[in-house]
N, C-alpha and C. Protein backbone atom coordinates (compact mmCIF):
# COMPACT_ATOMS: atom_id res chain seq x y z
N UNK A 1 150.25 96.10 154.37
CA UNK A 1 149.02 97.24 153.97
C UNK A 1 147.77 95.45 153.37
N UNK A 2 146.43 95.70 153.47
CA UNK A 2 145.41 95.15 152.94
C UNK A 2 144.09 95.79 152.61
N UNK A 3 142.99 94.90 151.92
CA UNK A 3 142.16 95.68 151.35
C UNK A 3 141.63 93.95 151.91
N UNK A 4 140.18 94.80 152.58
CA UNK A 4 139.15 93.86 152.79
C UNK A 4 138.07 94.22 152.22
N UNK A 5 137.17 93.25 151.99
CA UNK A 5 135.82 93.71 150.84
C UNK A 5 134.45 92.90 151.20
N UNK A 6 133.50 93.37 152.11
CA UNK A 6 132.29 92.54 152.73
C UNK A 6 131.48 91.99 151.87
N UNK A 7 130.69 90.85 151.27
CA UNK A 7 129.25 91.02 150.72
C UNK A 7 128.60 89.86 152.31
N UNK A 8 127.39 90.59 152.40
CA UNK A 8 126.41 90.33 153.32
C UNK A 8 125.47 89.41 152.92
N UNK A 9 124.90 88.63 153.42
CA UNK A 9 123.81 87.27 153.41
C UNK A 9 123.14 87.16 154.46
N UNK A 10 122.11 86.39 154.05
CA UNK A 10 121.10 86.05 155.46
C UNK A 10 121.48 85.71 156.53
N UNK A 11 122.25 86.06 158.17
CA UNK A 11 123.26 86.12 158.77
C UNK A 11 123.96 85.89 158.93
N UNK A 12 124.59 85.82 157.56
CA UNK A 12 126.51 85.54 157.42
C UNK A 12 126.89 86.54 156.75
N UNK A 13 128.45 86.94 157.09
CA UNK A 13 129.24 88.04 156.27
C UNK A 13 130.03 87.29 155.46
N UNK A 14 130.53 87.43 154.46
CA UNK A 14 131.57 87.17 153.83
C UNK A 14 132.39 87.92 153.93
N UNK A 15 133.41 88.17 154.56
CA UNK A 15 134.88 88.77 154.15
C UNK A 15 135.75 88.45 153.62
N UNK A 16 136.38 89.37 152.60
CA UNK A 16 137.88 88.64 151.34
C UNK A 16 138.97 89.72 151.52
N UNK A 17 139.63 88.67 151.92
CA UNK A 17 140.35 89.53 152.54
C UNK A 17 141.76 89.30 152.20
N UNK A 18 143.00 90.84 151.03
CA UNK A 18 144.16 90.38 150.46
C UNK A 18 144.27 91.33 151.59
N UNK A 19 146.29 90.70 150.90
CA UNK A 19 146.81 91.45 151.44
C UNK A 19 148.12 91.15 153.09
N UNK A 20 148.34 91.25 153.38
CA UNK A 20 149.31 91.01 154.41
C UNK A 20 148.60 90.78 155.88
N UNK A 21 148.95 90.31 156.37
CA UNK A 21 148.58 89.93 157.85
C UNK A 21 149.53 89.67 158.66
N UNK A 22 150.23 90.56 158.77
CA UNK A 22 150.93 91.66 160.14
C UNK A 22 150.86 91.97 161.28
N UNK A 23 152.41 92.44 161.99
CA UNK A 23 151.76 92.80 163.46
C UNK A 23 151.86 94.41 162.84
N UNK A 24 152.16 94.93 161.55
CA UNK A 24 151.80 96.17 161.66
C UNK A 24 150.52 96.33 160.70
N UNK A 25 149.81 95.55 160.83
CA UNK A 25 148.47 95.89 159.87
C UNK A 25 147.46 95.44 161.21
N UNK A 26 147.29 94.17 162.07
CA UNK A 26 146.56 94.19 163.36
C UNK A 26 145.19 94.49 163.34
N UNK A 27 145.75 95.64 163.90
CA UNK A 27 144.89 96.53 165.15
C UNK A 27 143.62 97.36 164.04
N UNK A 28 144.12 97.44 162.88
CA UNK A 28 142.95 98.55 162.00
C UNK A 28 142.56 96.60 162.15
N UNK A 29 142.64 95.82 161.15
CA UNK A 29 142.20 93.99 160.67
C UNK A 29 141.06 94.07 161.69
N UNK A 30 141.69 94.03 163.52
CA UNK A 30 141.26 93.29 164.55
C UNK A 30 139.68 93.99 164.57
N UNK A 31 139.84 95.57 164.83
CA UNK A 31 138.79 96.22 164.53
C UNK A 31 137.20 95.52 163.71
N UNK A 32 138.31 95.80 162.32
CA UNK A 32 136.94 95.83 161.40
C UNK A 32 137.12 94.22 161.35
N UNK A 33 136.91 93.44 161.71
CA UNK A 33 137.18 91.96 161.73
C UNK A 33 135.69 91.73 163.30
N UNK A 34 135.96 92.07 164.19
CA UNK A 34 135.18 92.29 165.69
C UNK A 34 133.80 93.17 164.49
N UNK A 35 134.37 94.66 164.70
CA UNK A 35 133.07 94.78 164.40
C UNK A 35 132.03 93.86 163.05
N UNK A 36 132.61 93.29 162.11
CA UNK A 36 131.33 92.80 161.55
C UNK A 36 131.11 91.25 162.38
N UNK A 37 131.51 90.52 162.92
CA UNK A 37 131.65 89.72 163.57
C UNK A 37 130.65 90.05 164.64
N UNK A 38 130.55 91.04 165.40
CA UNK A 38 129.38 91.69 166.94
C UNK A 38 128.30 92.59 166.12
N UNK A 39 127.93 92.61 164.91
CA UNK A 39 127.12 93.39 163.72
C UNK A 39 125.72 92.72 164.30
N UNK A 40 125.25 93.15 164.32
CA UNK A 40 122.85 92.78 165.02
C UNK A 40 123.00 92.00 163.83
N UNK A 41 121.90 91.07 164.16
CA UNK A 41 122.01 90.29 162.92
C UNK A 41 122.66 89.20 162.60
N UNK A 42 124.17 89.33 162.84
CA UNK A 42 124.86 88.17 162.81
C UNK A 42 125.45 87.07 162.94
N UNK A 43 125.16 85.75 162.38
CA UNK A 43 125.04 84.58 163.46
C UNK A 43 126.88 83.76 163.07
N UNK A 44 127.52 84.14 161.58
CA UNK A 44 128.70 83.76 161.38
C UNK A 44 129.51 85.25 160.04
N UNK A 45 130.69 85.33 160.57
CA UNK A 45 132.02 85.51 159.79
C UNK A 45 133.11 84.62 159.16
N UNK A 46 132.49 84.25 157.61
CA UNK A 46 132.99 83.82 156.84
C UNK A 46 134.71 84.52 156.28
N UNK A 47 135.63 84.52 156.62
CA UNK A 47 137.11 84.95 156.15
C UNK A 47 137.33 84.14 155.23
N UNK A 48 137.46 84.92 153.68
CA UNK A 48 138.35 84.26 152.86
C UNK A 48 139.78 84.72 153.21
N UNK A 49 140.80 83.34 153.27
CA UNK A 49 142.01 83.72 154.10
C UNK A 49 142.91 83.64 152.39
N UNK A 50 142.38 82.95 150.88
CA UNK A 50 143.35 82.42 149.93
C UNK A 50 143.70 83.58 149.50
N UNK A 51 144.12 85.48 150.09
CA UNK A 51 145.00 85.91 148.77
C UNK A 51 145.78 86.67 150.21
N UNK A 52 145.85 85.93 151.26
CA UNK A 52 146.91 86.56 152.31
C UNK A 52 148.07 86.24 151.54
N UNK A 53 149.26 87.11 151.50
CA UNK A 53 150.48 87.30 150.82
C UNK A 53 151.83 86.80 152.33
N UNK A 54 151.36 86.88 153.62
CA UNK A 54 152.57 87.05 154.29
C UNK A 54 151.96 87.16 155.32
N UNK A 55 151.36 85.95 156.48
CA UNK A 55 151.37 86.44 157.93
C UNK A 55 152.14 85.70 158.70
N UNK A 56 151.53 86.52 160.32
CA UNK A 56 152.97 85.99 161.29
C UNK A 56 152.10 85.40 162.16
N UNK A 57 152.54 85.27 163.56
CA UNK A 57 151.67 84.96 164.84
C UNK A 57 150.43 86.21 165.31
N UNK A 58 151.02 87.35 165.22
CA UNK A 58 149.71 88.89 165.28
C UNK A 58 149.10 88.43 164.56
N UNK A 59 149.05 88.35 163.39
CA UNK A 59 147.79 88.23 162.50
C UNK A 59 147.06 86.48 163.28
N UNK A 60 147.45 86.00 163.34
CA UNK A 60 146.40 84.72 163.82
C UNK A 60 145.94 85.44 165.64
N UNK A 61 146.57 85.66 165.99
CA UNK A 61 146.20 85.97 167.68
C UNK A 61 145.03 86.84 167.21
N UNK A 62 144.56 87.80 166.45
CA UNK A 62 143.52 88.61 165.49
C UNK A 62 142.10 87.83 165.77
N UNK A 63 142.39 86.48 164.87
CA UNK A 63 141.91 85.62 164.55
C UNK A 63 140.95 84.74 165.90
N UNK A 64 142.31 84.52 166.29
CA UNK A 64 142.08 83.55 167.64
C UNK A 64 140.89 84.48 169.04
N UNK A 65 141.58 85.89 169.33
CA UNK A 65 140.68 87.10 169.47
C UNK A 65 139.03 87.28 169.60
N UNK A 66 139.28 87.42 168.31
CA UNK A 66 137.78 87.83 167.27
C UNK A 66 137.14 86.56 167.61
N UNK A 67 137.14 85.31 167.48
CA UNK A 67 136.55 84.60 167.59
C UNK A 67 136.50 84.46 168.77
N UNK A 68 137.08 84.10 170.10
CA UNK A 68 136.36 83.69 171.13
C UNK A 68 135.30 85.00 171.86
N UNK A 69 135.89 86.36 171.44
CA UNK A 69 134.77 87.40 171.83
C UNK A 69 133.28 87.26 171.04
N UNK A 70 133.37 86.51 169.69
CA UNK A 70 132.36 85.60 168.76
C UNK A 70 131.72 85.07 169.43
N UNK A 71 132.51 83.81 169.71
CA UNK A 71 131.60 82.76 170.54
C UNK A 71 131.34 82.85 171.52
N UNK A 72 131.66 83.87 172.50
CA UNK A 72 130.76 84.64 173.96
C UNK A 72 129.41 85.40 173.51
N UNK A 73 129.29 85.41 172.66
CA UNK A 73 128.31 85.95 172.17
C UNK A 73 126.91 85.28 170.77
N UNK A 74 127.43 84.13 170.65
CA UNK A 74 126.21 83.40 170.01
C UNK A 74 127.31 83.19 168.29
N UNK A 75 128.44 83.66 168.07
CA UNK A 75 128.83 84.27 167.03
C UNK A 75 130.47 83.53 166.79
N UNK A 76 130.25 83.16 165.39
CA UNK A 76 131.35 81.89 164.64
C UNK A 76 132.07 82.61 163.75
N UNK A 77 133.40 82.31 163.75
CA UNK A 77 134.77 82.35 162.79
C UNK A 77 135.32 81.63 162.39
N UNK A 78 134.34 81.95 160.46
CA UNK A 78 135.12 80.67 159.62
C UNK A 78 136.29 80.83 158.56
N UNK A 79 137.27 80.25 158.52
CA UNK A 79 137.44 80.40 157.63
C UNK A 79 137.21 79.88 156.46
N UNK A 80 137.93 80.35 155.09
CA UNK A 80 137.75 79.61 153.73
C UNK A 80 138.83 80.18 152.65
N UNK A 81 139.21 78.73 152.65
CA UNK A 81 140.61 78.38 151.68
C UNK A 81 142.02 79.41 152.25
N UNK A 82 142.17 79.14 153.33
CA UNK A 82 143.65 79.74 153.69
C UNK A 82 144.80 79.43 152.57
N UNK A 83 144.97 80.14 152.73
CA UNK A 83 146.26 79.68 151.14
C UNK A 83 147.64 79.49 152.71
N UNK A 84 147.52 78.11 151.11
CA UNK A 84 148.95 77.42 151.82
C UNK A 84 150.05 77.78 153.03
N UNK A 85 150.90 79.04 152.88
CA UNK A 85 151.21 79.39 154.60
C UNK A 85 150.33 79.60 155.35
N UNK A 86 149.25 79.86 155.20
CA UNK A 86 147.88 80.40 156.47
C UNK A 86 148.05 78.96 156.73
N UNK A 87 147.70 77.63 156.34
CA UNK A 87 147.44 76.75 156.48
C UNK A 87 148.44 76.26 157.63
N UNK A 88 149.76 76.24 156.66
CA UNK A 88 150.85 75.63 157.73
C UNK A 88 151.30 76.52 159.18
N UNK A 89 150.97 77.70 159.43
CA UNK A 89 151.08 78.47 160.67
C UNK A 89 149.86 78.23 161.03
N UNK A 90 149.12 77.97 160.58
CA UNK A 90 147.56 77.13 161.78
C UNK A 90 148.19 75.88 162.14
N UNK A 91 148.56 74.96 161.87
CA UNK A 91 149.37 73.97 162.02
C UNK A 91 150.54 73.70 162.98
N UNK A 92 151.30 74.60 162.67
CA UNK A 92 152.56 75.53 163.23
C UNK A 92 151.84 75.61 164.94
N UNK A 93 151.08 76.21 165.26
CA UNK A 93 150.60 77.03 165.95
C UNK A 93 149.57 76.29 166.89
N UNK A 94 149.00 74.82 166.50
CA UNK A 94 148.61 74.15 166.73
C UNK A 94 147.23 74.44 167.31
N UNK A 95 146.55 75.53 166.07
CA UNK A 95 145.04 76.24 166.38
C UNK A 95 144.85 75.28 164.89
N UNK A 96 144.88 74.67 164.15
CA UNK A 96 143.74 74.50 162.58
C UNK A 96 142.70 73.44 163.63
N UNK A 97 142.37 73.52 164.23
CA UNK A 97 140.91 72.86 164.46
C UNK A 97 139.74 74.20 165.38
N UNK A 98 139.93 75.35 166.12
CA UNK A 98 140.13 76.16 166.64
C UNK A 98 138.55 76.50 166.04
N UNK A 99 139.19 76.91 164.62
CA UNK A 99 138.34 77.52 163.07
C UNK A 99 137.56 76.00 162.35
N UNK A 100 136.52 76.73 162.14
CA UNK A 100 135.86 75.33 161.01
C UNK A 100 137.24 76.27 159.83
N UNK A 101 137.43 74.98 159.48
CA UNK A 101 138.15 75.41 158.13
C UNK A 101 137.57 75.27 156.78
N UNK A 102 137.31 76.04 156.10
CA UNK A 102 137.02 74.94 154.05
C UNK A 102 137.96 75.07 153.60
N UNK A 103 137.99 74.75 152.19
CA UNK A 103 138.54 74.34 151.39
C UNK A 103 138.44 74.93 150.09
N UNK A 104 136.76 74.98 149.77
CA UNK A 104 136.42 76.07 148.87
C UNK A 104 134.81 76.11 148.93
N UNK A 105 134.66 77.37 148.36
CA UNK A 105 133.17 77.77 148.23
C UNK A 105 131.83 77.04 148.31
N UNK A 106 132.31 75.28 147.66
CA UNK A 106 130.96 74.90 146.90
C UNK A 106 131.47 73.94 148.88
N UNK A 107 132.22 73.36 149.05
CA UNK A 107 132.13 73.10 150.68
C UNK A 107 131.45 73.48 151.43
N UNK A 108 131.53 74.63 151.77
CA UNK A 108 131.40 75.90 152.66
C UNK A 108 129.58 75.90 152.94
N UNK A 109 128.98 75.98 151.07
CA UNK A 109 128.06 76.24 150.60
C UNK A 109 126.67 75.06 152.01
N UNK A 110 128.02 74.37 151.56
CA UNK A 110 127.09 73.16 152.13
C UNK A 110 127.05 72.93 153.82
N UNK A 111 128.05 73.96 154.06
CA UNK A 111 128.15 74.01 156.02
C UNK A 111 127.02 75.36 155.77
N UNK A 112 126.93 76.13 155.65
CA UNK A 112 126.26 77.74 155.76
C UNK A 112 125.07 77.45 154.01
N UNK A 113 124.09 77.20 154.32
CA UNK A 113 123.27 77.07 152.68
C UNK A 113 123.03 79.08 152.67
N UNK A 114 123.30 79.69 153.51
CA UNK A 114 122.81 81.01 153.01
C UNK A 114 123.96 81.65 152.58
N UNK A 115 125.48 80.95 152.33
CA UNK A 115 126.03 81.57 151.51
C UNK A 115 125.42 81.71 149.63
N UNK A 116 124.93 80.58 149.45
CA UNK A 116 124.93 79.94 148.48
C UNK A 116 124.01 81.02 147.94
N UNK A 117 122.62 82.14 148.60
CA UNK A 117 121.55 82.82 147.54
C UNK A 117 122.25 84.11 146.78
């Protein structure tokens, strides 16, 4: 079970995810993430992963798939503050460099000024 809250900025959507990112959650989450990533006028989606309780490889697969689809349309998926166990799984799966990743809101604002509005 999970909760997803969206905040819109000029050309950027910030999604705040809380809960589990496991096999049973990925179908619904995948659809929501892709809808936001491919929405008209959006250049980047920032996904806050600081409140992810549990994650498995199917959850990571959704992130990779959505990012690949977004890149094909000139969009970018950015990860914000991944919880330590999420960051560790990204490292173990050797995909940590696949996404721009930021450890704080301040660091992100330097990368995407629109989120500072």
